Structures are given as structure tokens and as C-alpha cells.
Amino acid sequence: MRARNPEPVTLPTVTDVYLQAARPEFRDRGVLGWIEFTIAGLRIQAVTLRRTARGRLTLSYPPRRLVRGHRCFYVRPVDDSTRRHIEREVFRALNLEEVPR
């Protein structure tokens, strides 16, 4: 069982953001590129920058495929608030405009 921490968490700053742009055949499918960044002393790599069908930018974290199609993520945000924080920081560092939902 996971313990929940009711205290507010200060989210760390995202730094050293790098974008490797995708080739046109990937861009046609919504993959804009791959991101690397540093957060809380960890270097995170191979995060996919995507544009959804609705035009929203999002980050997808790389999973490992297990038996029977199950996925195991090497790293990913622990909750939606953390995901939004990381996306805002990365998009700001890359001077990207997020399309409103």
C-alpha cells in the first residue's frame, strides 16, 4: 500500500532542456521530437514531444514492453499536477506555446 503525503510538495525546476526534432514522417503522426531534461538531479531522456489530435502539446514517457503487452515505465510523473508542472517548464524552456484545451 502506498502512503499518501498530505503536505504540499514543492516541485523542482526543470533545467538543461534539449529537443531533437522528428523527421517529417514522424511529424505527420503527431510526434514533434524527443526531449531530454534535468529535474531533481536526474537526467531524463527519450521523452516524446507530441501534438494531440486536438492540437495540445504533451510529453509521453518511454515504457518498457513486458509480457502480454504490459508496460513498465522507467520514469514518469507521479500525478497530474506534476505532469502539468514538467510540461509547463519544458515548453517554456523551448519557447513553445501550449494550445488551450
Protein backbone atom coordinates (compact mmCIF):
# COMPACT_ATOMS: atom_id res chain seq x y z
CA MET A 1 0.00 0.00 0.00
CA ARG A 2 1.26 3.48 -0.85
CA ALA A 3 1.41 6.12 1.84
CA ARG A 4 -0.08 9.47 0.87
CA ASN A 5 1.70 12.62 1.95
CA PRO A 6 -0.91 15.31 2.71
CA GLU A 7 1.70 18.09 2.88
CA PRO A 8 2.14 20.29 -0.21
CA VAL A 9 5.15 19.37 -2.31
CA THR A 10 7.48 21.96 -3.83
CA LEU A 11 8.06 20.87 -7.41
CA PRO A 12 11.66 21.04 -8.64
CA THR A 13 12.83 23.18 -11.51
CA VAL A 14 13.38 21.62 -14.93
CA THR A 15 16.72 22.61 -16.48
CA ASP A 16 19.03 21.76 -19.38
CA VAL A 17 16.18 21.08 -21.81
CA TYR A 18 17.17 19.75 -25.24
CA LEU A 19 14.92 18.91 -28.22
CA GLN A 20 15.83 16.54 -31.05
CA ALA A 21 13.32 17.36 -33.80
CA ALA A 22 11.49 14.50 -35.51
CA ARG A 23 11.70 13.75 -39.20
CA PRO A 24 8.67 14.68 -41.36
CA GLU A 25 7.26 11.13 -41.43
CA PHE A 26 7.01 11.20 -37.62
CA ARG A 27 5.67 14.77 -37.54
CA ASP A 28 2.80 13.67 -39.80
CA ARG A 29 1.73 11.33 -36.96
CA GLY A 30 1.97 13.98 -34.25
CA VAL A 31 5.50 13.20 -33.00
CA LEU A 32 7.37 16.51 -32.93
CA GLY A 33 10.59 15.23 -31.38
CA TRP A 34 12.34 13.80 -28.35
CA ILE A 35 13.19 15.71 -25.20
CA GLU A 36 15.96 15.47 -22.63
CA PHE A 37 15.90 17.44 -19.39
CA THR A 38 17.25 17.51 -15.86
CA ILE A 39 14.97 17.54 -12.81
CA ALA A 40 15.87 16.99 -9.17
CA GLY A 41 19.38 15.84 -10.08
CA LEU A 42 18.17 13.26 -12.62
CA ARG A 43 18.76 13.38 -16.38
CA ILE A 44 15.57 12.25 -18.13
CA GLN A 45 15.91 11.19 -21.78
CA ALA A 46 13.78 9.85 -24.64
CA VAL A 47 10.60 11.70 -23.63
CA THR A 48 8.42 12.16 -26.72
CA LEU A 49 7.01 15.58 -27.56
CA ARG A 50 3.63 15.08 -29.25
CA ARG A 51 0.79 17.17 -30.59
CA THR A 52 -2.56 15.53 -29.92
CA ALA A 53 -5.42 15.35 -32.43
CA ARG A 54 -6.93 18.35 -30.58
CA GLY A 55 -3.74 20.35 -31.03
CA ARG A 56 -2.47 20.14 -27.46
CA LEU A 57 1.23 19.62 -26.77
CA THR A 58 2.05 16.76 -24.43
CA LEU A 59 5.00 14.71 -23.23
CA SER A 60 4.99 10.90 -23.38
CA TYR A 61 7.36 8.94 -21.17
CA PRO A 62 9.09 5.81 -22.52
CA PRO A 63 7.83 2.46 -21.25
CA ARG A 64 9.39 -0.96 -21.43
CA ARG A 65 7.10 -3.56 -23.01
CA LEU A 66 6.63 -6.63 -20.85
CA VAL A 67 4.96 -9.97 -21.44
CA ARG A 68 1.40 -9.84 -22.81
CA GLY A 69 1.65 -6.16 -23.73
CA HIS A 70 2.02 -4.80 -20.21
CA ARG A 71 4.11 -1.64 -19.87
CA CYS A 72 6.60 -0.69 -17.19
CA PHE A 73 7.65 2.96 -17.16
CA TYR A 74 11.28 3.74 -16.42
CA VAL A 75 10.25 7.18 -15.18
CA ARG A 76 7.04 9.21 -15.25
CA PRO A 77 5.30 11.92 -13.22
CA VAL A 78 3.64 10.66 -10.04
CA ASP A 79 0.42 12.62 -10.61
CA ASP A 80 -1.34 15.00 -12.99
CA SER A 81 -0.16 18.11 -11.14
CA THR A 82 3.48 17.05 -11.51
CA ARG A 83 2.93 16.17 -15.18
CA ARG A 84 1.48 19.64 -15.88
CA HIS A 85 4.36 21.30 -14.00
CA ILE A 86 7.01 19.43 -16.01
CA GLU A 87 5.21 20.16 -19.29
CA ARG A 88 4.97 23.89 -18.49
CA GLU A 89 8.67 24.04 -17.59
CA VAL A 90 9.77 22.13 -20.72
CA PHE A 91 7.50 24.11 -23.06
CA ARG A 92 8.70 27.40 -21.53
CA ALA A 93 12.36 26.37 -21.96
CA LEU A 94 11.71 25.52 -25.64
CA ASN A 95 9.61 28.66 -26.24
CA LEU A 96 6.63 26.54 -27.25
CA GLU A 97 3.07 27.77 -26.98
CA GLU A 98 0.60 25.34 -25.49
CA VAL A 99 -2.75 25.29 -27.28
CA PRO A 100 -5.65 25.73 -24.79
CA ARG A 101 -7.66 22.58 -24.11
